[in-house]
PDB file of N, CA and C in Angstrom:
ATOM      1  N   MET A   1      19.897  44.833 -36.343  1.00  0.00           N
ATOM      2  CA  MET A   1      18.625  45.506 -36.300  1.00  0.00           C
ATOM      3  C   MET A   1      18.855  46.942 -35.852  1.00  0.00           C
ATOM      4  N   ALA A   2      18.332  47.841 -36.608  1.00  0.00           N
ATOM      5  CA  ALA A   2      18.495  49.254 -36.295  1.00  0.00           C
ATOM      6  C   ALA A   2      17.513  49.638 -35.198  1.00  0.00           C
ATOM      7  N   VAL A   3      17.798  50.734 -34.560  1.00  0.00           N
ATOM      8  CA  VAL A   3      16.977  51.209 -33.456  1.00  0.00           C
ATOM      9  C   VAL A   3      15.616  51.683 -33.940  1.00  0.00           C
ATOM     10  N   ASP A   4      15.536  52.257 -35.136  1.00  0.00           N
ATOM     11  CA  ASP A   4      14.286  52.827 -35.639  1.00  0.00           C
ATOM     12  C   ASP A   4      13.341  51.779 -36.240  1.00  0.00           C
ATOM     13  N   GLU A   5      13.833  50.555 -36.531  1.00  0.00           N
ATOM     14  CA  GLU A   5      12.994  49.555 -37.178  1.00  0.00           C
ATOM     15  C   GLU A   5      12.031  48.923 -36.166  1.00  0.00           C
ATOM     16  N   PRO A   6      10.765  48.763 -36.567  1.00  0.00           N
ATOM     17  CA  PRO A   6       9.813  48.119 -35.650  1.00  0.00           C
ATOM     18  C   PRO A   6      10.056  46.605 -35.603  1.00  0.00           C
ATOM     19  N   LYS A   7       9.695  46.009 -34.481  1.00  0.00           N
ATOM     20  CA  LYS A   7       9.860  44.571 -34.329  1.00  0.00           C
ATOM     21  C   LYS A   7       8.770  43.855 -35.103  1.00  0.00           C
ATOM     22  N   ARG A   8       9.147  42.764 -35.732  1.00  0.00           N
ATOM     23  CA  ARG A   8       8.170  41.969 -36.469  1.00  0.00           C
ATOM     24  C   ARG A   8       7.585  40.913 -35.539  1.00  0.00           C
ATOM     25  N   ARG A   9       6.305  40.746 -35.642  1.00  0.00           N
ATOM     26  CA  ARG A   9       5.646  39.713 -34.846  1.00  0.00           C
ATOM     27  C   ARG A   9       5.452  38.484 -35.714  1.00  0.00           C
ATOM     28  N   SER A  10       5.758  37.363 -35.156  1.00  0.00           N
ATOM     29  CA  SER A  10       5.564  36.137 -35.919  1.00  0.00           C
ATOM     30  C   SER A  10       4.089  35.758 -35.882  1.00  0.00           C
ATOM     31  N   LYS A  11       3.623  35.301 -37.006  1.00  0.00           N
ATOM     32  CA  LYS A  11       2.224  34.910 -37.097  1.00  0.00           C
ATOM     33  C   LYS A  11       2.134  33.407 -36.881  1.00  0.00           C
ATOM     34  N   LYS A  12       1.688  33.033 -35.710  1.00  0.00           N
ATOM     35  CA  LYS A  12       1.524  31.634 -35.386  1.00  0.00           C
ATOM     36  C   LYS A  12       0.047  31.346 -35.208  1.00  0.00           C
ATOM     37  N   LYS A  13      -0.342  30.185 -35.681  1.00  0.00           N
ATOM     38  CA  LYS A  13      -1.727  29.785 -35.526  1.00  0.00           C
ATOM     39  C   LYS A  13      -1.932  29.304 -34.095  1.00  0.00           C
ATOM     40  N   LYS A  14      -2.917  29.883 -33.459  1.00  0.00           N
ATOM     41  CA  LYS A  14      -3.207  29.473 -32.092  1.00  0.00           C
ATOM     42  C   LYS A  14      -4.098  28.244 -32.139  1.00  0.00           C
ATOM     43  N   ARG A  15      -3.744  27.273 -31.332  1.00  0.00           N
ATOM     44  CA  ARG A  15      -4.543  26.059 -31.252  1.00  0.00           C
ATOM     45  C   ARG A  15      -5.617  26.240 -30.197  1.00  0.00           C
ATOM     46  N   THR A  16      -6.769  25.792 -30.521  1.00  0.00           N
ATOM     47  CA  THR A  16      -7.847  25.853 -29.547  1.00  0.00           C
ATOM     48  C   THR A  16      -7.894  24.546 -28.786  1.00  0.00           C
ATOM     49  N   SER A  17      -8.570  24.554 -27.676  1.00  0.00           N
ATOM     50  CA  SER A  17      -8.664  23.331 -26.881  1.00  0.00           C
ATOM     51  C   SER A  17      -9.438  22.265 -27.626  1.00  0.00           C
ATOM     52  N   LYS A  18     -10.357  22.659 -28.493  1.00  0.00           N
ATOM     53  CA  LYS A  18     -11.123  21.693 -29.266  1.00  0.00           C
ATOM     54  C   LYS A  18     -10.220  20.953 -30.244  1.00  0.00           C
ATOM     55  N   ASP A  19      -9.295  21.658 -30.890  1.00  0.00           N
ATOM     56  CA  ASP A  19      -8.364  21.028 -31.818  1.00  0.00           C
ATOM     57  C   ASP A  19      -7.460  20.045 -31.081  1.00  0.00           C
ATOM     58  N   ASN A  20      -6.991  20.430 -29.907  1.00  0.00           N
ATOM     59  CA  ASN A  20      -6.100  19.566 -29.139  1.00  0.00           C
ATOM     60  C   ASN A  20      -6.801  18.304 -28.684  1.00  0.00           C
ATOM     61  N   SER A  21      -8.034  18.423 -28.235  1.00  0.00           N
ATOM     62  CA  SER A  21      -8.721  17.255 -27.707  1.00  0.00           C
ATOM     63  C   SER A  21      -9.016  16.249 -28.811  1.00  0.00           C
ATOM     64  N   ASN A  22      -9.382  16.714 -30.002  1.00  0.00           N
ATOM     65  CA  ASN A  22      -9.672  15.780 -31.085  1.00  0.00           C
ATOM     66  C   ASN A  22      -8.430  15.038 -31.535  1.00  0.00           C
ATOM     67  N   SER A  23      -7.311  15.733 -31.699  1.00  0.00           N
ATOM     68  CA  SER A  23      -6.091  15.073 -32.135  1.00  0.00           C
ATOM     69  C   SER A  23      -5.549  14.174 -31.028  1.00  0.00           C
ATOM     70  N   TRP A  24      -5.731  14.551 -29.792  1.00  0.00           N
ATOM     71  CA  TRP A  24      -5.250  13.743 -28.665  1.00  0.00           C
ATOM     72  C   TRP A  24      -6.023  12.425 -28.600  1.00  0.00           C
ATOM     73  N   ASN A  25      -7.346  12.486 -28.717  1.00  0.00           N
ATOM     74  CA  ASN A  25      -8.152  11.278 -28.639  1.00  0.00           C
ATOM     75  C   ASN A  25      -7.855  10.336 -29.794  1.00  0.00           C
ATOM     76  N   ALA A  26      -7.657  10.868 -30.972  1.00  0.00           N
ATOM     77  CA  ALA A  26      -7.380  10.020 -32.123  1.00  0.00           C
ATOM     78  C   ALA A  26      -6.017   9.345 -31.988  1.00  0.00           C
ATOM     79  N   ALA A  27      -5.036  10.058 -31.472  1.00  0.00           N
ATOM     80  CA  ALA A  27      -3.695   9.504 -31.348  1.00  0.00           C
ATOM     81  C   ALA A  27      -3.583   8.540 -30.173  1.00  0.00           C
ATOM     82  N   GLN A  28      -4.393   8.691 -29.138  1.00  0.00           N
ATOM     83  CA  GLN A  28      -4.266   7.902 -27.933  1.00  0.00           C
ATOM     84  C   GLN A  28      -5.256   6.749 -27.836  1.00  0.00           C
ATOM     85  N   LYS A  29      -5.910   6.375 -28.940  1.00  0.00           N
ATOM     86  CA  LYS A  29      -6.867   5.275 -28.886  1.00  0.00           C
ATOM     87  C   LYS A  29      -6.123   3.986 -28.566  1.00  0.00           C
ATOM     88  N   CYS A  30      -6.569   3.304 -27.545  1.00  0.00           N
ATOM     89  CA  CYS A  30      -5.938   2.058 -27.134  1.00  0.00           C
ATOM     90  C   CYS A  30      -6.538   0.904 -27.920  1.00  0.00           C
ATOM     91  N   LYS A  31      -5.674   0.011 -28.363  1.00  0.00           N
ATOM     92  CA  LYS A  31      -6.124  -1.156 -29.106  1.00  0.00           C
ATOM     93  C   LYS A  31      -6.073  -2.374 -28.194  1.00  0.00           C
ATOM     94  N   THR A  32      -6.975  -3.288 -28.422  1.00  0.00           N
ATOM     95  CA  THR A  32      -6.939  -4.542 -27.695  1.00  0.00           C
ATOM     96  C   THR A  32      -5.902  -5.451 -28.325  1.00  0.00           C
ATOM     97  N   LEU A  33      -5.528  -6.492 -27.597  1.00  0.00           N
ATOM     98  CA  LEU A  33      -4.550  -7.436 -28.127  1.00  0.00           C
ATOM     99  C   LEU A  33      -5.081  -8.109 -29.381  1.00  0.00           C
ATOM    100  N   GLN A  34      -6.374  -8.403 -29.395  1.00  0.00           N
ATOM    101  CA  GLN A  34      -6.961  -9.047 -30.571  1.00  0.00           C
ATOM    102  C   GLN A  34      -6.864  -8.146 -31.797  1.00  0.00           C
ATOM    103  N   GLU A  35      -7.070  -6.831 -31.626  1.00  0.00           N
ATOM    104  CA  GLU A  35      -6.945  -5.896 -32.750  1.00  0.00           C
ATOM    105  C   GLU A  35      -5.513  -5.845 -33.267  1.00  0.00           C
ATOM    106  N   ILE A  36      -4.542  -5.878 -32.358  1.00  0.00           N
ATOM    107  CA  ILE A  36      -3.132  -5.848 -32.761  1.00  0.00           C
ATOM    108  C   ILE A  36      -2.784  -7.117 -33.536  1.00  0.00           C
ATOM    109  N   VAL A  37      -3.230  -8.258 -33.042  1.00  0.00           N
ATOM    110  CA  VAL A  37      -2.940  -9.529 -33.714  1.00  0.00           C
ATOM    111  C   VAL A  37      -3.587  -9.566 -35.090  1.00  0.00           C
ATOM    112  N   ASP A  38      -4.830  -9.089 -35.191  1.00  0.00           N
ATOM    113  CA  ASP A  38      -5.518  -9.091 -36.485  1.00  0.00           C
ATOM    114  C   ASP A  38      -4.823  -8.189 -37.494  1.00  0.00           C
ATOM    115  N   GLU A  39      -4.351  -7.025 -37.058  1.00  0.00           N
ATOM    116  CA  GLU A  39      -3.699  -6.083 -37.965  1.00  0.00           C
ATOM    117  C   GLU A  39      -2.321  -6.567 -38.413  1.00  0.00           C
ATOM    118  N   ALA A  40      -1.644  -7.331 -37.563  1.00  0.00           N
ATOM    119  CA  ALA A  40      -0.289  -7.756 -37.882  1.00  0.00           C
ATOM    120  C   ALA A  40      -0.247  -8.845 -38.938  1.00  0.00           C
ATOM    121  N   GLN A  41      -1.325  -9.567 -39.151  1.00  0.00           N
ATOM    122  CA  GLN A  41      -1.413 -10.641 -40.147  1.00  0.00           C
ATOM    123  C   GLN A  41      -0.275 -11.650 -39.963  1.00  0.00           C
ATOM    124  N   TYR A  42      -0.247 -12.246 -38.782  1.00  0.00           N
ATOM    125  CA  TYR A  42       0.818 -13.189 -38.451  1.00  0.00           C
ATOM    126  C   TYR A  42       0.780 -14.461 -39.286  1.00  0.00           C
ATOM    127  N   ASP A  43      -0.323 -14.747 -39.929  1.00  0.00           N
ATOM    128  CA  ASP A  43      -0.370 -15.947 -40.755  1.00  0.00           C
ATOM    129  C   ASP A  43       0.522 -15.835 -41.992  1.00  0.00           C
ATOM    130  N   LEU A  44       0.964 -14.620 -42.335  1.00  0.00           N
ATOM    131  CA  LEU A  44       1.849 -14.430 -43.484  1.00  0.00           C
ATOM    132  C   LEU A  44       3.320 -14.659 -43.132  1.00  0.00           C
ATOM    133  N   TYR A  45       3.661 -14.718 -41.843  1.00  0.00           N
ATOM    134  CA  TYR A  45       5.042 -14.905 -41.409  1.00  0.00           C
ATOM    135  C   TYR A  45       5.449 -16.367 -41.558  1.00  0.00           C
ATOM    136  N   PRO A  46       6.751 -16.642 -41.735  1.00  0.00           N
ATOM    137  CA  PRO A  46       7.206 -18.038 -41.748  1.00  0.00           C
ATOM    138  C   PRO A  46       6.962 -18.693 -40.387  1.00  0.00           C
ATOM    139  N   SER A  47       6.913 -20.014 -40.339  1.00  0.00           N
ATOM    140  CA  SER A  47       6.566 -20.725 -39.112  1.00  0.00           C
ATOM    141  C   SER A  47       7.624 -20.579 -38.026  1.00  0.00           C
ATOM    142  N   TRP A  48       8.881 -20.281 -38.387  1.00  0.00           N
ATOM    143  CA  TRP A  48       9.936 -20.185 -37.388  1.00  0.00           C
ATOM    144  C   TRP A  48       9.988 -18.823 -36.704  1.00  0.00           C
ATOM    145  N   VAL A  49       9.213 -17.833 -37.162  1.00  0.00           N
ATOM    146  CA  VAL A  49       9.207 -16.504 -36.565  1.00  0.00           C
ATOM    147  C   VAL A  49       8.273 -16.510 -35.350  1.00  0.00           C
ATOM    148  N   PRO A  50       8.766 -16.134 -34.155  1.00  0.00           N
ATOM    149  CA  PRO A  50       7.890 -16.118 -32.987  1.00  0.00           C
ATOM    150  C   PRO A  50       6.873 -14.974 -33.078  1.00  0.00           C
ATOM    151  N   THR A  51       5.631 -15.257 -32.748  1.00  0.00           N
ATOM    152  CA  THR A  51       4.557 -14.271 -32.772  1.00  0.00           C
ATOM    153  C   THR A  51       3.761 -14.382 -31.479  1.00  0.00           C
ATOM    154  N   PHE A  52       2.759 -13.523 -31.321  1.00  0.00           N
ATOM    155  CA  PHE A  52       1.896 -13.584 -30.149  1.00  0.00           C
ATOM    156  C   PHE A  52       1.176 -14.925 -30.068  1.00  0.00           C
ATOM    157  N   GLU A  53       0.852 -15.488 -31.190  1.00  0.00           N
ATOM    158  CA  GLU A  53       0.092 -16.733 -31.207  1.00  0.00           C
ATOM    159  C   GLU A  53       0.967 -17.955 -30.947  1.00  0.00           C
ATOM    160  N   SER A  54       2.274 -17.863 -31.218  1.00  0.00           N
ATOM    161  CA  SER A  54       3.127 -19.044 -31.111  1.00  0.00           C
ATOM    162  C   SER A  54       3.972 -19.075 -29.844  1.00  0.00           C
ATOM    163  N   VAL A  55       4.017 -18.024 -29.076  1.00  0.00           N
ATOM    164  CA  VAL A  55       4.867 -18.027 -27.891  1.00  0.00           C
ATOM    165  C   VAL A  55       4.250 -18.902 -26.806  1.00  0.00           C
ATOM    166  N   ALA A  56       5.098 -19.563 -26.069  1.00  0.00           N
ATOM    167  CA  ALA A  56       4.662 -20.385 -24.954  1.00  0.00           C
ATOM    168  C   ALA A  56       5.758 -20.335 -23.903  1.00  0.00           C
ATOM    169  N   ALA A  57       5.370 -20.421 -22.646  1.00  0.00           N
ATOM    170  CA  ALA A  57       6.340 -20.388 -21.563  1.00  0.00           C
ATOM    171  C   ALA A  57       6.058 -21.532 -20.601  1.00  0.00           C
ATOM    172  N   LYS A  58       7.114 -22.061 -20.022  1.00  0.00           N
ATOM    173  CA  LYS A  58       6.960 -23.116 -19.031  1.00  0.00           C
ATOM    174  C   LYS A  58       6.435 -22.503 -17.737  1.00  0.00           C
ATOM    175  N   PRO A  59       5.814 -23.299 -16.908  1.00  0.00           N
ATOM    176  CA  PRO A  59       5.404 -22.793 -15.593  1.00  0.00           C
ATOM    177  C   PRO A  59       6.620 -22.374 -14.774  1.00  0.00           C
ATOM    178  N   SER A  60       6.437 -21.418 -13.904  1.00  0.00           N
ATOM    179  CA  SER A  60       7.533 -20.900 -13.097  1.00  0.00           C
ATOM    180  C   SER A  60       8.022 -21.955 -12.109  1.00  0.00           C
ATOM    181  N   VAL A  61       9.338 -21.954 -11.874  1.00  0.00           N
ATOM    182  CA  VAL A  61       9.904 -22.870 -10.896  1.00  0.00           C
ATOM    183  C   VAL A  61       9.858 -22.270  -9.497  1.00  0.00           C
ATOM    184  N   TYR A  62       9.527 -20.984  -9.405  1.00  0.00           N
ATOM    185  CA  TYR A  62       9.467 -20.306  -8.121  1.00  0.00           C
ATOM    186  C   TYR A  62       8.054 -20.411  -7.546  1.00  0.00           C
ATOM    187  N   PRO A  63       7.930 -20.417  -6.222  1.00  0.00           N
ATOM    188  CA  PRO A  63       6.586 -20.475  -5.633  1.00  0.00           C
ATOM    189  C   PRO A  63       5.828 -19.175  -5.848  1.00  0.00           C
ATOM    190  N   LYS A  64       4.503 -19.280  -5.840  1.00  0.00           N
ATOM    191  CA  LYS A  64       3.652 -18.114  -6.035  1.00  0.00           C
ATOM    192  C   LYS A  64       3.824 -17.154  -4.861  1.00  0.00           C
ATOM    193  N   ARG A  65       3.969 -15.859  -5.159  1.00  0.00           N
ATOM    194  CA  ARG A  65       4.078 -14.866  -4.099  1.00  0.00           C
ATOM    195  C   ARG A  65       2.688 -14.357  -3.755  1.00  0.00           C
ATOM    196  N   SER A  66       2.437 -14.192  -2.469  1.00  0.00           N
ATOM    197  CA  SER A  66       1.133 -13.731  -2.008  1.00  0.00           C
ATOM    198  C   SER A  66       1.299 -12.381  -1.339  1.00  0.00           C
ATOM    199  N   PHE A  67       0.481 -11.429  -1.766  1.00  0.00           N
ATOM    200  CA  PHE A  67       0.578 -10.076  -1.250  1.00  0.00           C
ATOM    201  C   PHE A  67      -0.617  -9.757  -0.371  1.00  0.00           C
ATOM    202  N   CYS A  68      -0.393  -8.887   0.602  1.00  0.00           N
ATOM    203  CA  CYS A  68      -1.442  -8.415   1.497  1.00  0.00           C
ATOM    204  C   CYS A  68      -2.382  -7.504   0.714  1.00  0.00           C
ATOM    205  N   LYS A  69      -3.693  -7.739   0.847  1.00  0.00           N
ATOM    206  CA  LYS A  69      -4.666  -6.927   0.125  1.00  0.00           C
ATOM    207  C   LYS A  69      -4.865  -5.564   0.766  1.00  0.00           C
ATOM    208  N   ILE A  70      -4.401  -5.386   1.976  1.00  0.00           N
ATOM    209  CA  ILE A  70      -4.548  -4.105   2.672  1.00  0.00           C
ATOM    210  C   ILE A  70      -3.351  -3.204   2.413  1.00  0.00           C
ATOM    211  N   THR A  71      -2.140  -3.724   2.626  1.00  0.00           N
ATOM    212  CA  THR A  71      -0.940  -2.892   2.537  1.00  0.00           C
ATOM    213  C   THR A  71      -0.184  -3.051   1.219  1.00  0.00           C
ATOM    214  N   GLY A  72      -0.339  -4.182   0.540  1.00  0.00           N
ATOM    215  CA  GLY A  72       0.409  -4.424  -0.686  1.00  0.00           C
ATOM    216  C   GLY A  72       1.770  -5.036  -0.444  1.00  0.00           C
ATOM    217  N   LEU A  73       2.121  -5.288   0.812  1.00  0.00           N
ATOM    218  CA  LEU A  73       3.389  -5.922   1.140  1.00  0.00           C
ATOM    219  C   LEU A  73       3.255  -7.431   1.013  1.00  0.00           C
ATOM    220  N   ILE A  74       4.387  -8.135   1.085  1.00  0.00           N
ATOM    221  CA  ILE A  74       4.345  -9.590   1.020  1.00  0.00           C
ATOM    222  C   ILE A  74       3.638 -10.103   2.269  1.00  0.00           C
ATOM    223  N   GLY A  75       2.641 -10.952   2.075  1.00  0.00           N
ATOM    224  CA  GLY A  75       1.832 -11.450   3.188  1.00  0.00           C
ATOM    225  C   GLY A  75       2.543 -12.535   3.968  1.00  0.00           C
ATOM    226  N   LYS A  76       2.740 -12.292   5.255  1.00  0.00           N
ATOM    227  CA  LYS A  76       3.392 -13.270   6.119  1.00  0.00           C
ATOM    228  C   LYS A  76       2.366 -14.145   6.827  1.00  0.00           C
ATOM    229  N   TYR A  77       1.166 -13.629   7.011  1.00  0.00           N
ATOM    230  CA  TYR A  77       0.138 -14.320   7.774  1.00  0.00           C
ATOM    231  C   TYR A  77      -1.059 -14.609   6.886  1.00  0.00           C
ATOM    232  N   LYS A  78      -1.828 -15.620   7.258  1.00  0.00           N
ATOM    233  CA  LYS A  78      -2.983 -16.023   6.472  1.00  0.00           C
ATOM    234  C   LYS A  78      -4.237 -15.956   7.335  1.00  0.00           C
ATOM    235  N   CYS A  79      -5.303 -15.356   6.792  1.00  0.00           N
ATOM    236  CA  CYS A  79      -6.571 -15.266   7.503  1.00  0.00           C
ATOM    237  C   CYS A  79      -7.190 -16.670   7.561  1.00  0.00           C
ATOM    238  N   PRO A  80      -7.573 -17.127   8.759  1.00  0.00           N
ATOM    239  CA  PRO A  80      -8.135 -18.477   8.855  1.00  0.00           C
ATOM    240  C   PRO A  80      -9.526 -18.605   8.232  1.00  0.00           C
ATOM    241  N   VAL A  81     -10.250 -17.488   8.074  1.00  0.00           N
ATOM    242  CA  VAL A  81     -11.610 -17.547   7.546  1.00  0.00           C
ATOM    243  C   VAL A  81     -11.614 -17.507   6.015  1.00  0.00           C
ATOM    244  N   THR A  82     -10.929 -16.524   5.428  1.00  0.00           N
ATOM    245  CA  THR A  82     -10.979 -16.331   3.983  1.00  0.00           C
ATOM    246  C   THR A  82      -9.771 -16.899   3.248  1.00  0.00           C
ATOM    247  N   GLY A  83      -8.646 -17.078   3.948  1.00  0.00           N
ATOM    248  CA  GLY A  83      -7.440 -17.568   3.300  1.00  0.00           C
ATOM    249  C   GLY A  83      -6.609 -16.471   2.664  1.00  0.00           C
ATOM    250  N   ASP A  84      -6.985 -15.214   2.882  1.00  0.00           N
ATOM    251  CA  ASP A  84      -6.218 -14.095   2.341  1.00  0.00           C
ATOM    252  C   ASP A  84      -4.926 -13.920   3.131  1.00  0.00           C
ATOM    253  N   TYR A  85      -3.875 -13.494   2.434  1.00  0.00           N
ATOM    254  CA  TYR A  85      -2.603 -13.240   3.092  1.00  0.00           C
ATOM    255  C   TYR A  85      -2.560 -11.801   3.587  1.00  0.00           C
ATOM    256  N   LEU A  86      -1.996 -11.617   4.787  1.00  0.00           N
ATOM    257  CA  LEU A  86      -1.917 -10.293   5.409  1.00  0.00           C
ATOM    258  C   LEU A  86      -0.494 -10.075   5.904  1.00  0.00           C
ATOM    259  N   ALA A  87      -0.042  -8.815   5.873  1.00  0.00           N
ATOM    260  CA  ALA A  87       1.346  -8.514   6.197  1.00  0.00           C
ATOM    261  C   ALA A  87       1.559  -8.191   7.667  1.00  0.00           C
ATOM    262  N   THR A  88       0.633  -7.484   8.298  1.00  0.00           N
ATOM    263  CA  THR A  88       0.837  -7.015   9.664  1.00  0.00           C
ATOM    264  C   THR A  88      -0.418  -7.242  10.491  1.00  0.00           C
ATOM    265  N   LEU A  89      -0.279  -7.082  11.806  1.00  0.00           N
ATOM    266  CA  LEU A  89      -1.421  -7.206  12.698  1.00  0.00           C
ATOM    267  C   LEU A  89      -2.452  -6.102  12.465  1.00  0.00           C
ATOM    268  N   PRO A  90      -2.051  -4.828  12.281  1.00  0.00           N
ATOM    269  CA  PRO A  90      -3.062  -3.809  11.957  1.00  0.00           C
ATOM    270  C   PRO A  90      -3.800  -4.110  10.645  1.00  0.00           C
ATOM    271  N   ALA A  91      -3.119  -4.711   9.688  1.00  0.00           N
ATOM    272  CA  ALA A  91      -3.781  -5.093   8.440  1.00  0.00           C
ATOM    273  C   ALA A  91      -4.810  -6.183   8.710  1.00  0.00           C
ATOM    274  N   PHE A  92      -4.487  -7.113   9.612  1.00  0.00           N
ATOM    275  CA  PHE A  92      -5.442  -8.157   9.962  1.00  0.00           C
ATOM    276  C   PHE A  92      -6.661  -7.560  10.656  1.00  0.00           C
ATOM    277  N   GLU A  93      -6.441  -6.580  11.523  1.00  0.00           N
ATOM    278  CA  GLU A  93      -7.567  -5.938  12.206  1.00  0.00           C
ATOM    279  C   GLU A  93      -8.458  -5.201  11.208  1.00  0.00           C
ATOM    280  N   THR A  94      -7.864  -4.515  10.258  1.00  0.00           N
ATOM    281  CA  THR A  94      -8.636  -3.838   9.217  1.00  0.00           C
ATOM    282  C   THR A  94      -9.389  -4.857   8.371  1.00  0.00           C
ATOM    283  N   HIS A  95      -8.736  -5.949   8.056  1.00  0.00           N
ATOM    284  CA  HIS A  95      -9.366  -7.024   7.285  1.00  0.00           C
ATOM    285  C   HIS A  95     -10.566  -7.592   8.043  1.00  0.00           C
ATOM    286  N   ARG A  96     -10.393  -7.788   9.322  1.00  0.00           N
ATOM    287  CA  ARG A  96     -11.467  -8.340  10.140  1.00  0.00           C
ATOM    288  C   ARG A  96     -12.642  -7.376  10.237  1.00  0.00           C
ATOM    289  N   GLU A  97     -12.354  -6.070  10.336  1.00  0.00           N
ATOM    290  CA  GLU A  97     -13.420  -5.075  10.477  1.00  0.00           C
ATOM    291  C   GLU A  97     -14.180  -4.852   9.165  1.00  0.00           C
ATOM    292  N   THR A  98     -13.487  -4.907   8.037  1.00  0.00           N
ATOM    293  CA  THR A  98     -14.126  -4.557   6.768  1.00  0.00           C
ATOM    294  C   THR A  98     -14.511  -5.767   5.930  1.00  0.00           C
ATOM    295  N   ARG A  99     -13.582  -6.635   5.672  1.00  0.00           N
ATOM    296  CA  ARG A  99     -13.847  -7.737   4.754  1.00  0.00           C
ATOM    297  C   ARG A  99     -14.611  -8.879   5.386  1.00  0.00           C
ATOM    298  N   LEU A 100     -14.454  -9.071   6.683  1.00  0.00           N
ATOM    299  CA  LEU A 100     -15.131 -10.176   7.345  1.00  0.00           C
ATOM    300  C   LEU A 100     -16.464  -9.753   7.948  1.00  0.00           C
ATOM    301  N   LYS A 101     -16.934  -8.598   7.584  1.00  0.00           N
ATOM    302  CA  LYS A 101     -18.191  -8.098   8.132  1.00  0.00           C
ATOM    303  C   LYS A 101     -19.315  -9.050   7.700  1.00  0.00           C
ATOM    304  N   GLY A 102     -19.969  -9.636   8.666  1.00  0.00           N
ATOM    305  CA  GLY A 102     -21.043 -10.556   8.398  1.00  0.00           C
ATOM    306  C   GLY A 102     -20.603 -12.002   8.313  1.00  0.00           C
ATOM    307  N   LEU A 103     -19.293 -12.273   8.215  1.00  0.00           N
ATOM    308  CA  LEU A 103     -18.809 -13.646   8.184  1.00  0.00           C
ATOM    309  C   LEU A 103     -18.513 -14.190   9.570  1.00  0.00           C
ATOM    310  N   ILE A 104     -18.208 -13.287  10.521  1.00  0.00           N
ATOM    311  CA  ILE A 104     -17.864 -13.737  11.875  1.00  0.00           C
ATOM    312  C   ILE A 104     -19.057 -13.520  12.785  1.00  0.00           C
TER     313      ILE A 104
END
């Protein structure tokens, strides 16, 4: 490029926020499981092909894990009134103040 030549500006189309929002909403539409199953037409597949409709699982051999509703940690203690699992003593106090309001 010579010193005397002017710089060329590239002509790019500027996107407006309206254009972005419309294309974003159309691309990000969430489908329900029923819509996905209906669109896939699983009845056309051979019977040996696993699909959403044919999968089955045995019950878990592990015991159910119970989490504290206050902290989200594994619940070590159980509320005698409601049966909810709680992880710590401060969580139990919060549970008693908020969730048991009117029960005690």
